[in-house]
N, C-alpha and C. Protein backbone atom coordinates (compact mmCIF):
# COMPACT_ATOMS: atom_id res chain seq x y z
N UNK A 1 -8.54 27.61 3.26
CA UNK A 1 -7.93 26.38 2.78
C UNK A 1 -6.28 26.60 3.58
N UNK A 2 -6.16 28.08 3.48
CA UNK A 2 -4.78 28.26 3.94
C UNK A 2 -4.87 28.54 5.68
N UNK A 3 -5.85 27.94 6.37
CA UNK A 3 -6.08 28.45 7.95
C UNK A 3 -6.01 26.72 8.12
N UNK A 4 -6.77 25.94 7.65
CA UNK A 4 -6.46 24.27 7.36
C UNK A 4 -4.85 23.62 7.81
N UNK A 5 -3.95 24.37 6.32
CA UNK A 5 -3.02 24.38 5.84
C UNK A 5 -2.08 24.84 7.14
N UNK A 6 -2.23 25.96 7.62
CA UNK A 6 -1.68 26.47 8.92
C UNK A 6 -1.73 25.84 10.20
N UNK A 7 -2.99 25.22 10.17
CA UNK A 7 -2.96 24.51 11.76
C UNK A 7 -2.51 23.54 11.13
N UNK A 8 -3.14 22.81 10.00
CA UNK A 8 -1.88 21.25 10.43
C UNK A 8 -0.55 21.58 10.57
N UNK A 9 0.14 22.77 9.76
CA UNK A 9 1.62 22.66 9.75
C UNK A 9 2.06 23.18 11.55
N UNK A 10 0.99 23.91 12.21
CA UNK A 10 1.73 24.35 13.19
C UNK A 10 0.62 24.17 14.85
N UNK A 11 0.21 23.74 14.61
CA UNK A 11 -1.00 23.44 15.82
C UNK A 11 -1.50 22.01 15.53
N UNK A 12 -1.38 21.17 14.50
CA UNK A 12 -2.36 19.81 14.67
C UNK A 12 -1.23 18.92 15.25
N UNK A 13 -1.63 17.70 16.31
CA UNK A 13 -1.25 16.86 16.86
C UNK A 13 -1.41 15.79 15.93
N UNK A 14 -0.15 15.07 16.00
CA UNK A 14 -0.51 13.68 15.07
C UNK A 14 -1.77 13.30 15.05
N UNK A 15 -2.55 13.73 16.38
CA UNK A 15 -4.13 12.42 15.69
C UNK A 15 -4.72 12.89 14.80
N UNK A 16 -4.67 14.55 14.88
CA UNK A 16 -5.25 15.47 13.93
C UNK A 16 -5.50 15.71 12.40
N UNK A 17 -3.68 15.14 12.50
CA UNK A 17 -3.12 15.62 11.02
C UNK A 17 -4.36 14.63 9.68
N UNK A 18 -4.58 13.71 10.41
CA UNK A 18 -4.82 12.77 9.28
C UNK A 18 -6.51 13.57 8.58
N UNK A 19 -7.32 13.25 9.85
CA UNK A 19 -8.35 14.48 9.27
C UNK A 19 -8.25 15.32 8.80
N UNK A 20 -7.49 16.56 9.18
CA UNK A 20 -7.14 17.90 8.46
C UNK A 20 -7.17 17.74 6.48
N UNK A 21 -5.77 16.44 6.66
CA UNK A 21 -5.71 15.85 5.36
C UNK A 21 -6.79 15.28 4.54
N UNK A 22 -7.51 14.92 5.03
CA UNK A 22 -8.71 14.09 4.39
C UNK A 22 -9.49 15.71 4.17
N UNK A 23 -9.73 15.65 5.03
CA UNK A 23 -11.04 17.45 4.92
C UNK A 23 -10.31 18.08 3.26
N UNK A 24 -9.36 18.66 3.72
CA UNK A 24 -8.19 19.30 2.54
C UNK A 24 -8.78 18.46 1.21
N UNK A 25 -8.25 17.47 0.88
CA UNK A 25 -8.45 16.31 -0.29
C UNK A 25 -9.87 16.31 -1.10
N UNK A 26 -10.86 16.80 -0.15
CA UNK A 26 -12.27 16.57 -1.05
C UNK A 26 -12.25 18.66 -1.54
N UNK A 27 -11.52 19.35 -1.27
CA UNK A 27 -11.79 20.83 -2.22
C UNK A 27 -10.84 20.84 -2.87
N UNK A 28 -10.99 21.33 -4.14
CA UNK A 28 -10.83 22.06 -5.35
C UNK A 28 -10.18 23.32 -5.06
N UNK A 29 -9.05 23.06 -4.89
CA UNK A 29 -8.38 24.61 -4.41
C UNK A 29 -6.94 24.19 -4.81
N UNK A 30 -6.18 25.29 -5.46
CA UNK A 30 -4.77 25.16 -5.85
C UNK A 30 -3.65 25.12 -5.12
N UNK A 31 -4.03 25.65 -3.98
CA UNK A 31 -2.99 25.06 -3.11
C UNK A 31 -3.27 23.26 -2.21
N UNK A 32 -4.31 22.80 -2.53
CA UNK A 32 -4.79 21.60 -1.90
C UNK A 32 -3.28 20.68 -2.41
N UNK A 33 -3.58 20.33 -3.93
CA UNK A 33 -2.47 19.63 -4.03
C UNK A 33 -1.11 19.46 -3.31
N UNK A 34 -0.41 20.82 -4.29
CA UNK A 34 1.21 20.82 -3.42
C UNK A 34 1.17 20.28 -2.26
N UNK A 35 0.37 21.01 -1.05
CA UNK A 35 0.02 20.39 0.31
C UNK A 35 0.02 18.95 0.45
N UNK A 36 -0.59 18.74 -0.52
CA UNK A 36 -0.88 16.80 -0.18
C UNK A 36 0.38 16.45 -0.71
N UNK A 37 1.22 16.55 -1.92
CA UNK A 37 2.35 16.18 -2.08
C UNK A 37 3.60 16.38 -1.15
N UNK A 38 2.99 17.54 -0.33
CA UNK A 38 4.46 17.74 0.69
C UNK A 38 4.19 16.75 1.75
N UNK A 39 3.02 16.27 2.34
CA UNK A 39 2.58 16.01 3.48
C UNK A 39 3.09 14.29 3.03
N UNK A 40 2.79 13.65 1.68
CA UNK A 40 3.19 12.43 1.31
C UNK A 40 4.58 12.49 1.21
N UNK A 41 5.22 13.07 0.82
CA UNK A 41 6.86 13.02 0.88
C UNK A 41 7.84 13.02 1.93
N UNK A 42 6.87 13.65 2.76
CA UNK A 42 7.90 14.10 4.38
C UNK A 42 7.65 12.59 5.66
N UNK A 43 9.11 12.43 5.66
CA UNK A 43 8.61 10.76 6.35
C UNK A 43 8.68 11.37 7.70
N UNK A 44 9.11 12.41 8.16
CA UNK A 44 8.36 13.22 9.59
C UNK A 44 6.87 13.07 9.94
N UNK A 45 6.31 13.05 8.71
CA UNK A 45 4.78 13.74 9.38
C UNK A 45 4.20 12.22 9.48
N UNK A 46 3.14 12.03 10.06
CA UNK A 46 2.54 10.86 10.62
C UNK A 46 1.96 10.37 9.75
N UNK A 47 2.02 9.04 9.73
CA UNK A 47 1.80 7.48 8.98
C UNK A 47 0.58 7.59 8.26
N UNK A 48 -0.63 8.21 9.21
CA UNK A 48 -2.31 8.25 8.62
C UNK A 48 -2.54 9.32 7.87
N UNK A 49 -1.42 10.74 8.24
CA UNK A 49 -2.02 11.56 7.08
C UNK A 49 -1.27 11.53 5.74
N UNK A 50 -0.02 10.84 5.96
CA UNK A 50 0.82 10.22 4.59
C UNK A 50 -0.32 9.93 3.65
N UNK A 51 -0.87 8.76 4.48
CA UNK A 51 -2.06 7.28 3.78
C UNK A 51 -3.12 8.15 3.14
N UNK A 52 -3.68 9.19 4.00
CA UNK A 52 -4.67 10.03 3.23
C UNK A 52 -4.52 10.87 2.22
N UNK A 53 -3.10 11.56 2.44
CA UNK A 53 -2.89 12.48 1.13
C UNK A 53 -2.46 11.74 0.24
N UNK A 54 -1.80 9.68 0.25
CA UNK A 54 -1.52 9.46 -0.73
C UNK A 54 -2.74 9.20 -2.08
N UNK A 55 -4.08 8.05 -0.41
CA UNK A 55 -5.36 8.07 -0.99
C UNK A 55 -6.21 9.61 -1.93
N UNK A 56 -5.65 10.12 -1.62
CA UNK A 56 -6.73 11.62 -2.68
C UNK A 56 -5.67 11.53 -3.97
N UNK A 57 -4.58 11.04 -4.17
CA UNK A 57 -4.10 11.53 -5.27
C UNK A 57 -5.00 10.88 -6.37
N UNK A 58 -5.43 11.32 -7.63
CA UNK A 58 -6.17 10.62 -8.66
C UNK A 58 -5.74 11.01 -9.87
N UNK A 59 -6.18 10.50 -10.87
CA UNK A 59 -5.68 10.69 -12.18
C UNK A 59 -6.51 12.34 -12.68
N UNK A 60 -7.36 12.68 -11.68
CA UNK A 60 -7.97 13.84 -12.71
C UNK A 60 -7.48 14.89 -12.38
N UNK A 61 -5.91 14.48 -11.56
CA UNK A 61 -5.40 15.89 -11.36
C UNK A 61 -4.01 15.86 -11.97
N UNK A 62 -4.32 15.38 -13.76
CA UNK A 62 -3.39 14.95 -14.39
C UNK A 62 -2.42 16.30 -14.95
N UNK A 63 -3.00 17.95 -14.40
CA UNK A 63 -2.28 18.71 -14.39
C UNK A 63 -0.99 19.46 -13.52
N UNK A 64 -1.03 18.25 -12.60
CA UNK A 64 0.21 18.42 -11.98
C UNK A 64 0.44 16.74 -12.35
N UNK A 65 0.57 16.11 -13.08
CA UNK A 65 1.71 14.86 -13.47
C UNK A 65 2.81 14.81 -12.84
N UNK A 66 3.47 15.16 -13.30
CA UNK A 66 4.85 14.88 -13.59
C UNK A 66 5.12 15.05 -11.93
N UNK A 67 4.48 16.48 -11.40
CA UNK A 67 5.35 16.58 -9.99
C UNK A 67 4.48 15.00 -8.89
N UNK A 68 3.12 14.83 -9.26
CA UNK A 68 2.43 13.66 -8.30
C UNK A 68 3.94 12.53 -9.06
N UNK A 69 4.15 12.35 -9.55
CA UNK A 69 4.74 10.90 -10.32
C UNK A 69 6.36 11.36 -8.94
N UNK A 70 6.46 12.48 -9.61
CA UNK A 70 7.96 12.49 -8.53
C UNK A 70 8.09 12.52 -6.86
N UNK A 71 6.89 12.59 -6.81
CA UNK A 71 6.80 12.77 -5.25
C UNK A 71 6.47 11.14 -5.27
N UNK A 72 5.35 10.17 -6.03
CA UNK A 72 5.51 8.88 -5.69
C UNK A 72 6.91 8.18 -5.57
N UNK A 73 7.32 8.45 -7.47
CA UNK A 73 8.10 7.43 -7.13
C UNK A 73 9.85 8.08 -6.41
N UNK A 74 9.52 8.88 -5.57
CA UNK A 74 10.69 9.23 -4.60
C UNK A 74 9.98 8.53 -3.01
N UNK A 75 9.26 8.04 -2.37
CA UNK A 75 8.37 7.50 -1.84
C UNK A 75 8.98 6.14 -1.81
N UNK A 76 8.05 5.45 -3.85
CA UNK A 76 8.71 4.11 -3.50
C UNK A 76 9.83 3.20 -3.89
N UNK A 77 10.62 4.44 -3.89
CA UNK A 77 12.15 4.60 -4.18
C UNK A 77 12.85 4.23 -2.94
N UNK A 78 12.37 4.52 -1.16
CA UNK A 78 12.79 4.55 0.01
C UNK A 78 13.16 3.32 0.34
N UNK A 79 14.08 2.69 0.72
CA UNK A 79 14.00 1.40 1.48
C UNK A 79 13.66 1.49 2.91
N UNK A 80 13.11 2.21 3.21
CA UNK A 80 13.02 2.26 5.13
C UNK A 80 11.41 2.82 4.94
N UNK A 81 10.86 3.24 3.57
CA UNK A 81 9.25 3.16 3.80
C UNK A 81 8.42 2.29 4.64
N UNK A 82 7.71 2.76 5.29
CA UNK A 82 6.48 2.32 6.30
C UNK A 82 6.06 1.38 5.60
N UNK A 83 5.40 0.47 5.30
CA UNK A 83 4.65 -0.70 4.95
C UNK A 83 3.42 -0.53 4.17
N UNK A 84 2.55 0.33 4.86
CA UNK A 84 1.39 1.03 4.86
C UNK A 84 0.99 2.26 3.53
N UNK A 85 2.61 3.29 3.85
CA UNK A 85 2.42 3.86 3.31
C UNK A 85 2.87 3.89 1.81
N UNK A 86 3.82 2.99 2.23
CA UNK A 86 4.46 2.00 0.56
C UNK A 86 3.22 1.86 -0.33
N UNK A 87 1.74 0.89 0.29
CA UNK A 87 0.89 0.17 -0.13
C UNK A 87 0.44 1.03 -0.95
N UNK A 88 0.22 2.21 0.24
CA UNK A 88 -1.03 3.54 -0.38
C UNK A 88 -0.41 4.08 -2.01
N UNK A 89 0.85 4.37 -1.51
CA UNK A 89 1.66 5.52 -3.00
C UNK A 89 1.77 4.00 -4.07
N UNK A 90 1.32 2.98 -3.40
CA UNK A 90 1.81 2.55 -5.06
C UNK A 90 0.21 2.56 -5.67
N UNK A 91 -0.38 2.10 -4.85
CA UNK A 91 -1.84 1.97 -5.56
C UNK A 91 -2.51 3.50 -6.43
N UNK A 92 -2.06 4.60 -5.50
CA UNK A 92 -1.96 6.10 -5.73
C UNK A 92 -1.07 5.83 -7.45
N UNK A 93 0.09 5.53 -7.81
CA UNK A 93 0.87 5.39 -8.61
C UNK A 93 0.40 4.89 -9.88
N UNK A 94 -0.47 4.08 -9.13
CA UNK A 94 -1.41 2.81 -10.64
C UNK A 94 -1.96 3.92 -11.45
N UNK A 95 -2.74 4.62 -10.73
CA UNK A 95 -3.51 5.81 -11.79
C UNK A 95 -2.43 6.51 -12.66
N UNK A 96 -1.28 7.14 -12.35
CA UNK A 96 -0.35 7.84 -13.08
C UNK A 96 0.86 7.14 -13.77
N UNK A 97 1.01 5.52 -13.88
CA UNK A 97 1.68 4.80 -14.88
C UNK A 97 1.91 4.82 -16.20
N UNK A 98 1.20 5.53 -16.69
CA UNK A 98 1.08 6.48 -18.34
C UNK A 98 1.73 7.54 -18.30
N UNK A 99 2.42 7.96 -17.52
CA UNK A 99 2.89 9.51 -16.78
C UNK A 99 4.37 9.72 -16.79
N UNK A 100 4.48 8.08 -16.37
CA UNK A 100 5.98 7.99 -16.31
C UNK A 100 6.76 6.10 -16.64
N UNK A 101 7.19 6.19 -17.10
CA UNK A 101 7.97 4.89 -17.25
C UNK A 101 8.96 4.81 -15.89
N UNK A 102 9.29 5.64 -15.52
CA UNK A 102 10.24 5.71 -14.13
C UNK A 102 9.25 4.92 -12.63
N UNK A 103 8.31 5.60 -13.10
CA UNK A 103 7.14 5.01 -12.01
C UNK A 103 7.59 3.36 -12.38
N UNK A 104 6.37 3.39 -13.31
CA UNK A 104 6.46 1.89 -13.70
C UNK A 104 7.65 1.29 -13.11
N UNK A 105 9.10 1.42 -13.96
CA UNK A 105 10.15 0.95 -13.56
C UNK A 105 10.15 0.77 -12.17
N UNK A 106 9.59 1.62 -11.47
CA UNK A 106 9.59 1.35 -10.06
C UNK A 106 8.76 0.54 -9.12
N UNK A 107 7.44 0.40 -9.61
CA UNK A 107 6.71 -0.37 -8.93
C UNK A 107 6.80 -1.88 -9.40
N UNK A 108 7.49 -2.40 -11.14
CA UNK A 108 7.13 -3.36 -11.08
C UNK A 108 8.88 -3.84 -10.54
N UNK A 109 9.72 -3.14 -10.15
CA UNK A 109 11.29 -3.58 -9.32
C UNK A 109 10.20 -3.85 -7.71
N UNK A 110 9.24 -3.46 -7.33
CA UNK A 110 8.70 -3.40 -5.85
C UNK A 110 8.09 -4.89 -6.03
N UNK A 111 7.16 -5.09 -7.18
CA UNK A 111 6.72 -6.10 -7.44
C UNK A 111 7.65 -7.68 -7.53
N UNK A 112 8.70 -7.35 -8.29
CA UNK A 112 9.47 -8.77 -8.21
C UNK A 112 10.42 -8.72 -7.25
N UNK A 113 10.34 -7.88 -6.28
CA UNK A 113 11.35 -7.80 -4.41
C UNK A 113 10.18 -8.92 -3.91
């Protein structure tokens, strides 16, 4: 796991990054979720890698739901967020609406805009 995360951070081309995120998303290791959240939150990461990170967020990750909600809220509140990343962040956020009133309000605001 650590080798893949280091490869992503220091060696991978932008084209390889989505593959690494997708591969890691299937791994049940405590280092993966913080890494996925880091990728999703970073606007300088490739769009496809951020989309893969958003897709990987599932309700069974409830042990870190507060952290997940915080990152999703940050992504949803960015006015300049890319459309596809935003769409996948909204889809991921729908699984955590019961965990965050702020997340619910952000989605409602986006849907009414």
